[in-house]
Structure formats: C-alpha cells, structure tokens
Amino acid sequence: MAKAEQEPPEAAATPKPAKAASAWPPLIAVLVLMPAVAYATTQFLILPKIRGAMTEQKLHAASGKAPEQHADKAAKFSYDFDNLVVNLAGSMGTKYLKASFTLLSSHENLKKIIDENKKKLLDTAINVLSSHTMVELEAAGAKNVLRNALIASFNQALHSDLIEQLYYSDFVIQ
C-alpha cells in the first residue's frame, strides 16, 4: 500500500506531452483544392483564350486574308518625324535618345491634321521620350512600351484615334 501511495505523486509531477498537430488536414485540403483550382483555371482562363484565337483565325480564313494584311490595308497614310533628340530622365544631360519614326493612319487628312498640330505633337513626343531613363529603355520590350505610349499620347493630344501604328526608322541611345 505504501507503493500505491507513492505512484500518484510521481505521476502528477511528470506532465503528459502535448499532442502534435496532424499533417492530414492540410494534405486533404491540397488534394481536394488543387483539382478544383486546375479545373477553374482551365474553364475560365485558358479555354476562352483558345476559343477566341480560333474564332479570329476562322474569321480571317473566311475573308481570305491574314490579320497582318488587314492592318496594313487600313493604315495607308503616313507622316514622318525625323531626328527627334531628347535628354533621358535621370542622366543630368549626359545621355540622350535620337529617334525617327513614321506614324500610320487610315485617315486621308493625316498630313493636314499633323501639320496643323505639329508643335503640340512635337512637345508630346519630347515629353514621352524624355520621361524614360536609360535603365527603362534598356529593358526588354522597352521600344514597344514607348511605341504604345507615343501612340496613346498623340491620340490624346489630337482628341481622336487618328494614329493607328508607329514604326521606328531610327532609335539611338547614347
């Protein structure tokens, strides 16, 4: 009986270890949610893009012309901006960009409209081109970003969607 009395105080003195968290609930959640996420991504992101591309190809095949041919036919009037030189942002006047480009439009009065707004468009081009740094212009795809910014800025300055495309004939950074 003396031994029975001694055991309870020892048992009370040593605490029982806490239960470790089980790894099964997160594993089950991943196994259930991953197929659901994959299904949703396929149904709502990937398949609509594929269907859109296929529809576009069918439309172009039915018309008998490639998409590039449509764009070139639509934009048949052009205007050249030659030798536009600007200082790059953040260079303290030590780096510059020299660019020449051609604007394309399907509007037959393109030359007249641009001649009437030449100073406004030159100022717009200078502001857009000089707002970029050397690092930004060295990045991949920087010319396309700059091209889109110029088109958008020209169209905003003209208060219309006159300019449809812009092609560089000269683009030098020094």
Protein backbone atom coordinates (compact mmCIF):
# COMPACT_ATOMS: atom_id res chain seq x y z
CA MET A 1 0.00 0.00 0.00
CA ALA A 2 2.93 2.22 0.50
CA LYS A 3 3.89 1.77 -3.13
CA ALA A 4 0.41 2.74 -4.31
CA GLU A 5 0.58 5.97 -2.36
CA GLN A 6 3.96 6.89 -3.89
CA GLU A 7 2.91 6.43 -7.54
CA PRO A 8 0.24 9.10 -7.72
CA PRO A 9 2.59 11.92 -6.64
CA GLU A 10 5.17 10.86 -9.29
CA ALA A 11 2.51 10.65 -12.00
CA ALA A 12 1.23 14.07 -11.05
CA ALA A 13 4.78 15.51 -11.15
CA THR A 14 5.50 14.46 -14.77
CA PRO A 15 3.24 16.25 -17.27
CA LYS A 16 1.91 14.37 -20.27
CA PRO A 17 3.37 15.51 -23.62
CA ALA A 18 1.06 17.67 -25.80
CA LYS A 19 -0.40 16.15 -28.95
CA ALA A 20 1.44 17.10 -32.15
CA ALA A 21 -0.63 18.68 -34.92
CA SER A 22 -1.68 16.20 -37.52
CA ALA A 23 -0.43 16.61 -41.11
CA TRP A 24 -3.56 15.05 -42.58
CA PRO A 25 -5.94 18.09 -42.75
CA PRO A 26 -3.59 20.25 -44.90
CA LEU A 27 -2.82 17.26 -47.12
CA ILE A 28 -6.51 16.52 -47.63
CA ALA A 29 -7.19 20.22 -48.35
CA VAL A 30 -4.46 20.30 -51.01
CA LEU A 31 -5.69 17.09 -52.61
CA VAL A 32 -9.24 18.46 -52.81
CA LEU A 33 -8.49 22.07 -53.77
CA MET A 34 -5.79 21.58 -56.43
CA PRO A 35 -8.03 19.77 -58.93
CA ALA A 36 -10.72 22.39 -58.32
CA VAL A 37 -8.27 25.24 -58.99
CA ALA A 38 -6.93 23.48 -62.10
CA TYR A 39 -10.48 22.98 -63.42
CA ALA A 40 -11.45 26.61 -62.78
CA THR A 41 -8.27 27.89 -64.45
CA THR A 42 -8.86 25.75 -67.50
CA GLN A 43 -12.55 26.61 -67.84
CA PHE A 44 -12.39 30.33 -67.14
CA LEU A 45 -8.92 31.40 -68.36
CA ILE A 46 -7.32 29.03 -70.82
CA LEU A 47 -10.28 27.77 -72.87
CA PRO A 48 -11.80 31.24 -73.52
CA LYS A 49 -8.44 32.45 -74.89
CA ILE A 50 -8.13 29.41 -77.15
CA ARG A 51 -11.71 29.79 -78.38
CA GLY A 52 -11.13 33.49 -79.11
CA ALA A 53 -7.97 32.76 -81.07
CA MET A 54 -9.71 30.02 -83.05
CA THR A 55 -12.66 32.30 -83.84
CA GLU A 56 -10.28 35.03 -85.01
CA GLN A 57 -8.44 32.57 -87.25
CA LYS A 58 -11.72 31.35 -88.73
CA LEU A 59 -12.81 34.93 -89.48
CA HIS A 60 -9.53 35.70 -91.20
CA ALA A 61 -9.61 32.42 -93.11
CA ALA A 62 -13.14 33.17 -94.29
CA SER A 63 -12.09 36.58 -95.58
CA GLY A 64 -9.09 35.02 -97.33
CA LYS A 65 -6.57 37.44 -95.82
CA ALA A 66 -4.10 37.23 -92.96
CA PRO A 67 -4.56 39.55 -89.96
CA GLU A 68 -1.39 41.47 -90.89
CA GLN A 69 -2.80 42.27 -94.29
CA HIS A 70 -5.87 43.89 -92.71
CA ALA A 71 -3.72 46.16 -90.54
CA ASP A 72 -1.54 47.29 -93.46
CA LYS A 73 -4.52 47.96 -95.72
CA ALA A 74 -6.26 50.03 -93.05
CA ALA A 75 -3.26 52.26 -92.30
CA LYS A 76 -2.19 53.58 -95.69
CA PHE A 77 -1.41 57.22 -94.92
CA SER A 78 1.85 58.11 -93.19
CA TYR A 79 3.73 61.02 -91.64
CA ASP A 80 7.44 61.06 -90.73
CA PHE A 81 9.02 62.56 -87.63
CA ASP A 82 12.76 62.76 -88.28
CA ASN A 83 15.72 63.16 -85.91
CA LEU A 84 13.95 63.91 -82.66
CA VAL A 85 16.66 64.27 -79.96
CA VAL A 86 15.87 64.35 -76.22
CA ASN A 87 17.82 64.08 -72.97
CA LEU A 88 16.95 61.00 -70.94
CA ALA A 89 15.49 61.34 -67.45
CA GLY A 90 17.94 60.96 -64.59
CA SER A 91 21.04 61.42 -66.74
CA MET A 92 21.75 65.07 -65.87
CA GLY A 93 22.08 65.80 -69.58
CA THR A 94 24.76 63.19 -70.26
CA LYS A 95 22.58 60.61 -72.06
CA TYR A 96 20.28 61.26 -74.97
CA LEU A 97 17.92 59.49 -77.30
CA LYS A 98 17.68 60.19 -81.02
CA ALA A 99 14.59 58.77 -82.68
CA SER A 100 12.93 58.95 -86.06
CA PHE A 101 9.57 57.33 -86.63
CA THR A 102 6.65 57.12 -89.01
CA LEU A 103 3.02 57.45 -87.97
CA LEU A 104 0.41 55.45 -89.87
CA SER A 105 -3.31 56.09 -90.16
CA SER A 106 -6.25 55.23 -92.38
CA HIS A 107 -7.43 58.85 -92.22
CA GLU A 108 -6.84 60.59 -95.56
CA ASN A 109 -6.22 64.02 -93.96
CA LEU A 110 -3.41 62.75 -91.74
CA LYS A 111 -0.78 65.11 -93.16
CA LYS A 112 -3.03 68.17 -92.84
CA ILE A 113 -4.07 67.34 -89.26
CA ILE A 114 -0.50 66.69 -88.12
CA ASP A 115 0.80 69.83 -89.85
CA GLU A 116 -1.83 71.88 -88.01
CA ASN A 117 -0.83 70.30 -84.67
CA LYS A 118 2.90 69.82 -85.33
CA LYS A 119 4.15 71.84 -82.33
CA LYS A 120 1.74 70.13 -79.96
CA LEU A 121 2.76 66.70 -81.24
CA LEU A 122 6.49 67.50 -81.05
CA ASP A 123 6.04 68.64 -77.46
CA THR A 124 4.10 65.46 -76.69
CA ALA A 125 6.80 63.28 -78.26
CA ILE A 126 9.56 65.12 -76.39
CA ASN A 127 7.72 64.71 -73.08
CA VAL A 128 7.10 61.00 -73.62
CA LEU A 129 10.60 60.20 -74.84
CA SER A 130 12.43 62.27 -72.22
CA SER A 131 10.41 60.85 -69.33
CA HIS A 132 12.20 57.49 -69.57
CA THR A 133 15.54 56.59 -68.00
CA MET A 134 18.43 54.70 -69.54
CA VAL A 135 17.60 51.65 -67.39
CA GLU A 136 13.97 51.65 -68.58
CA LEU A 137 14.98 51.87 -72.23
CA GLU A 138 17.48 49.00 -71.88
CA ALA A 139 14.78 46.65 -70.58
CA ALA A 140 13.30 44.01 -72.84
CA GLY A 141 10.31 45.32 -74.79
CA ALA A 142 11.05 48.97 -73.95
CA LYS A 143 10.66 50.12 -77.56
CA ASN A 144 7.18 48.60 -77.72
CA VAL A 145 6.20 50.23 -74.43
CA LEU A 146 7.49 53.54 -75.77
CA ARG A 147 5.69 52.97 -79.09
CA ASN A 148 2.36 52.41 -77.30
CA ALA A 149 2.93 55.43 -75.05
CA LEU A 150 3.62 57.64 -78.07
CA ILE A 151 0.53 56.43 -79.95
CA ALA A 152 -1.68 56.93 -76.90
CA SER A 153 -0.21 60.39 -76.21
CA PHE A 154 -0.58 61.52 -79.82
CA ASN A 155 -4.19 60.33 -79.94
CA GLN A 156 -4.91 62.08 -76.64
CA ALA A 157 -3.32 65.31 -77.90
CA LEU A 158 -5.38 65.12 -81.11
CA HIS A 159 -8.57 64.13 -79.23
CA SER A 160 -9.15 61.21 -81.59
CA ASP A 161 -7.88 57.76 -82.52
CA LEU A 162 -6.16 59.08 -85.62
CA ILE A 163 -2.79 57.33 -85.14
CA GLU A 164 -3.05 53.57 -85.59
CA GLN A 165 0.60 52.49 -85.77
CA LEU A 166 4.11 53.81 -85.27
CA TYR A 167 7.28 52.41 -86.83
CA TYR A 168 10.79 53.43 -85.81
CA SER A 169 13.25 54.19 -88.60
CA ASP A 170 15.98 55.29 -86.17
CA PHE A 171 16.41 54.67 -82.44
CA VAL A 172 19.78 55.53 -80.91
CA ILE A 173 20.65 55.87 -77.23
CA GLN A 174 23.95 57.42 -76.26
